[in-house]
Amino acid sequence: MIDKANRLLQVLTVLRVGHSHQALPPSGHSKQIIEGEFSVRRTLVIAVLTLTATSIALGQKQSASADQRSSVEQAIRQLDNERIQAQIHADAVALDRIYADDFIGVGPSGTVRTKPQVISDFTSGDLKFQSITTDEVQVRIYENTAVETGLSTMVGQDKGKTVPRDTRFTRVWVKQQGRWRLVANHYSSRITQQ
C-alpha cells in the first residue's frame, strides 16, 4: 500500500511539473491558481495519509486475527488433551466441564451417545482406555465454532470388546458462555490400504 502511495505521489509530481510549464493566465488569476494548487496538494496529501493509515490498520487487524486464531487453536488442542486424560482416568468432573450438555457423539460402529451416556460409560468402567494418541490434527475456526479433525489411535475396551484402534475423527467445539465446549464428535474406522 505504501508503494501505491509513493507511485501516486510520483504521478502527482509529474502532473504538477506539467502545469508549471504552461503559460500563466493574466495577472489576478495567478493567486487563484496557486491557492487551487495548494488546495489540491493538501487534499492529495490527506488522501495518501488516509490510505497509508488504513493499510497499517488493516495489517494490524489481520495480525490480531491470526493471533486470535492461533490462541483458539491452542485452547482447543489443550481441551482435547484434557478430554483424553479425563477419559483415560474416568474423570467425571473434567468430562462434565468439557462436554456440552447437548453433546452428541457417534462412535466407529455407529453407536450414538449423549453426554450423560459418555460420562456413565467411563465412570462405570464399561469404556476403558489405556492410551489415546492423536495425529494429523487440524483445527478450523468459524467465529464461535471450531472444527477439529485428525487421526486417533486408541487402546481400550468397550464392554470387554477391543475398540477400533485407528480412527479418523471430527469434533465440533462451540464457545458457550465464554468457554469452549465439545458439542459433537464422530469417529470412523480407518480402512488400511492393502
Protein backbone atom coordinates (compact mmCIF):
# COMPACT_ATOMS: atom_id res chain seq x y z
CA MET A 1 0.00 0.00 0.00
CA ILE A 2 2.91 2.35 0.74
CA ASP A 3 4.31 1.59 -2.75
CA LYS A 4 0.96 2.62 -4.24
CA ALA A 5 1.07 5.85 -2.25
CA ASN A 6 4.62 6.58 -3.49
CA ARG A 7 3.55 5.93 -7.11
CA LEU A 8 0.59 8.26 -6.63
CA LEU A 9 2.92 10.99 -5.37
CA GLN A 10 5.20 10.48 -8.41
CA VAL A 11 2.24 10.85 -10.77
CA LEU A 12 1.12 13.97 -8.96
CA THR A 13 4.63 15.43 -9.18
CA VAL A 14 4.68 14.79 -12.95
CA LEU A 15 1.27 16.42 -13.30
CA ARG A 16 2.41 19.41 -11.25
CA VAL A 17 5.54 19.82 -13.39
CA GLY A 18 3.36 19.65 -16.49
CA HIS A 19 1.24 22.53 -15.15
CA SER A 20 4.25 24.66 -14.29
CA HIS A 21 5.31 24.81 -17.97
CA GLN A 22 2.01 26.30 -19.02
CA ALA A 23 1.75 30.00 -19.52
CA LEU A 24 0.23 31.79 -16.57
CA PRO A 25 -3.10 33.46 -17.19
CA PRO A 26 -3.35 37.21 -16.94
CA SER A 27 -2.27 38.52 -13.51
CA GLY A 28 -5.03 38.43 -10.93
CA HIS A 29 -5.65 34.79 -11.76
CA SER A 30 -2.17 33.75 -10.55
CA LYS A 31 -3.20 33.91 -6.91
CA GLN A 32 -6.28 31.73 -7.59
CA ILE A 33 -4.17 29.14 -9.43
CA ILE A 34 -1.60 29.00 -6.62
CA GLU A 35 -4.35 28.67 -3.98
CA GLY A 36 -6.04 25.99 -6.11
CA GLU A 37 -2.80 24.03 -6.45
CA PHE A 38 -2.23 24.28 -2.69
CA SER A 39 -5.78 23.03 -2.04
CA VAL A 40 -5.35 20.11 -4.45
CA ARG A 41 -1.94 19.26 -2.96
CA ARG A 42 -3.36 19.36 0.58
CA THR A 43 -6.28 17.11 -0.45
CA LEU A 44 -3.89 14.64 -2.10
CA VAL A 45 -1.60 14.55 0.95
CA ILE A 46 -4.62 13.88 3.18
CA ALA A 47 -5.76 11.11 0.80
CA VAL A 48 -2.32 9.49 0.79
CA LEU A 49 -2.07 9.67 4.58
CA THR A 50 -5.55 8.18 4.91
CA LEU A 51 -4.66 5.31 2.57
CA THR A 52 -1.43 4.68 4.46
CA ALA A 53 -3.15 4.72 7.86
CA THR A 54 -5.87 2.41 6.57
CA SER A 55 -3.34 -0.10 5.22
CA ILE A 56 -1.45 -0.08 8.53
CA ALA A 57 -4.68 -0.59 10.49
CA LEU A 58 -5.74 -3.46 8.21
CA GLY A 59 -2.34 -5.08 8.64
CA GLN A 60 -2.69 -4.88 12.41
CA LYS A 61 -6.24 -6.29 12.25
CA GLN A 62 -5.09 -9.24 10.13
CA SER A 63 -2.21 -9.86 12.53
CA ALA A 64 -4.57 -9.75 15.51
CA SER A 65 -6.92 -12.12 13.71
CA ALA A 66 -4.06 -14.57 13.09
CA ASP A 67 -3.05 -14.27 16.76
CA GLN A 68 -6.64 -14.93 17.85
CA ARG A 69 -6.88 -17.98 15.59
CA SER A 70 -3.62 -19.34 16.97
CA SER A 71 -4.85 -18.76 20.52
CA VAL A 72 -8.16 -20.54 19.84
CA GLU A 73 -6.36 -23.43 18.14
CA GLN A 74 -4.08 -23.83 21.17
CA ALA A 75 -7.09 -23.72 23.51
CA ILE A 76 -8.90 -26.43 21.51
CA ARG A 77 -5.81 -28.66 21.43
CA GLN A 78 -5.35 -28.19 25.20
CA LEU A 79 -9.00 -29.03 25.89
CA ASP A 80 -8.78 -32.10 23.70
CA ASN A 81 -5.72 -33.28 25.64
CA GLU A 82 -7.65 -32.71 28.88
CA ARG A 83 -10.57 -34.69 27.42
CA ILE A 84 -8.26 -37.58 26.54
CA GLN A 85 -6.79 -37.65 30.05
CA ALA A 86 -10.29 -37.43 31.57
CA GLN A 87 -11.36 -40.45 29.50
CA ILE A 88 -8.28 -42.50 30.43
CA HIS A 89 -8.71 -41.69 34.14
CA ALA A 90 -12.57 -41.75 34.16
CA ASP A 91 -12.64 -38.16 35.49
CA ALA A 92 -16.37 -37.33 35.53
CA VAL A 93 -15.81 -33.73 36.71
CA ALA A 94 -13.48 -32.93 33.81
CA LEU A 95 -15.74 -34.69 31.29
CA ASP A 96 -18.73 -32.70 32.57
CA ARG A 97 -16.78 -29.45 32.17
CA ILE A 98 -15.55 -30.25 28.64
CA TYR A 99 -18.68 -31.79 27.08
CA ALA A 100 -21.65 -29.52 26.30
CA ASP A 101 -24.95 -30.52 27.87
CA ASP A 102 -26.43 -31.22 24.42
CA PHE A 103 -23.37 -33.20 23.25
CA ILE A 104 -23.93 -35.99 20.74
CA GLY A 105 -21.24 -38.45 19.70
CA VAL A 106 -21.10 -41.17 17.07
CA GLY A 107 -18.62 -44.00 17.59
CA PRO A 108 -16.82 -46.01 14.89
CA SER A 109 -19.53 -48.69 14.99
CA GLY A 110 -22.29 -46.10 14.60
CA THR A 111 -23.29 -46.10 18.28
CA VAL A 112 -24.76 -42.74 19.32
CA ARG A 113 -24.01 -41.42 22.81
CA THR A 114 -25.15 -38.35 24.73
CA LYS A 115 -23.15 -36.55 27.41
CA PRO A 116 -24.74 -38.48 30.32
CA GLN A 117 -24.11 -41.76 28.49
CA VAL A 118 -20.46 -40.91 27.79
CA ILE A 119 -19.81 -39.97 31.42
CA SER A 120 -21.61 -43.10 32.62
CA ASP A 121 -19.65 -45.32 30.18
CA PHE A 122 -16.35 -44.08 31.61
CA THR A 123 -17.30 -43.94 35.30
CA SER A 124 -18.95 -47.40 35.23
CA GLY A 125 -15.87 -48.95 33.67
CA ASP A 126 -17.77 -50.12 30.59
CA LEU A 127 -15.48 -47.99 28.40
CA LYS A 128 -11.79 -48.10 29.32
CA PHE A 129 -8.80 -46.66 27.51
CA GLN A 130 -5.20 -47.40 28.33
CA SER A 131 -3.95 -44.87 25.78
CA ILE A 132 -5.24 -42.43 23.18
CA THR A 133 -2.99 -40.53 20.79
CA THR A 134 -3.88 -38.12 18.02
CA ASP A 135 -2.08 -37.21 14.82
CA GLU A 136 -2.61 -35.01 11.77
CA VAL A 137 -4.78 -32.70 13.89
CA GLN A 138 -6.20 -29.64 12.16
CA VAL A 139 -8.41 -27.01 13.74
CA ARG A 140 -10.57 -24.70 11.64
CA ILE A 141 -12.19 -21.74 13.34
CA TYR A 142 -15.50 -20.14 12.36
CA GLU A 143 -16.21 -17.34 14.85
CA ASN A 144 -17.57 -19.17 17.93
CA THR A 145 -17.25 -22.63 16.38
CA ALA A 146 -14.15 -24.75 15.83
CA VAL A 147 -13.94 -27.97 13.83
CA GLU A 148 -11.14 -30.32 14.78
CA THR A 149 -10.16 -33.25 12.55
CA GLY A 150 -7.42 -35.84 12.69
CA LEU A 151 -6.39 -39.41 13.33
CA SER A 152 -6.77 -41.17 16.64
CA THR A 153 -5.05 -44.33 17.84
CA MET A 154 -6.82 -45.87 20.82
CA VAL A 155 -6.03 -48.83 23.02
CA GLY A 156 -9.07 -49.78 25.06
CA GLN A 157 -12.22 -51.83 25.55
CA ASP A 158 -15.92 -51.09 25.23
CA LYS A 159 -17.84 -53.58 27.43
CA GLY A 160 -14.95 -56.02 27.15
CA LYS A 161 -14.57 -55.75 23.37
CA THR A 162 -11.49 -54.13 21.86
CA VAL A 163 -12.32 -50.70 20.46
CA PRO A 164 -11.26 -49.93 16.89
CA ARG A 165 -7.60 -48.98 17.19
CA ASP A 166 -7.20 -46.48 14.35
CA THR A 167 -9.94 -43.98 13.59
CA ARG A 168 -10.46 -40.67 11.87
CA PHE A 169 -12.33 -38.13 13.92
CA THR A 170 -14.26 -34.90 13.55
CA ARG A 171 -15.05 -32.86 16.65
CA VAL A 172 -17.15 -29.71 16.82
CA TRP A 173 -16.41 -27.20 19.59
CA VAL A 174 -18.62 -24.18 20.35
CA LYS A 175 -17.81 -21.25 22.60
CA GLN A 176 -20.63 -21.12 25.17
CA GLN A 177 -20.71 -18.51 27.94
CA GLY A 178 -17.06 -17.63 27.36
CA ARG A 179 -15.60 -21.14 27.22
CA TRP A 180 -15.13 -23.82 24.59
CA ARG A 181 -17.28 -26.95 24.93
CA LEU A 182 -17.41 -30.12 22.85
CA VAL A 183 -20.85 -30.35 21.21
CA ALA A 184 -20.32 -33.24 18.78
CA ASN A 185 -17.84 -35.81 17.62
CA HIS A 186 -17.78 -38.56 15.05
CA TYR A 187 -15.35 -41.42 14.63
CA SER A 188 -14.86 -43.53 11.50
CA SER A 189 -12.73 -46.66 11.41
CA ARG A 190 -9.71 -46.30 9.18
CA ILE A 191 -9.52 -48.86 6.43
CA THR A 192 -5.94 -49.96 5.90
CA GLN A 193 -4.75 -49.99 2.30
CA GLN A 194 -3.68 -53.43 1.03
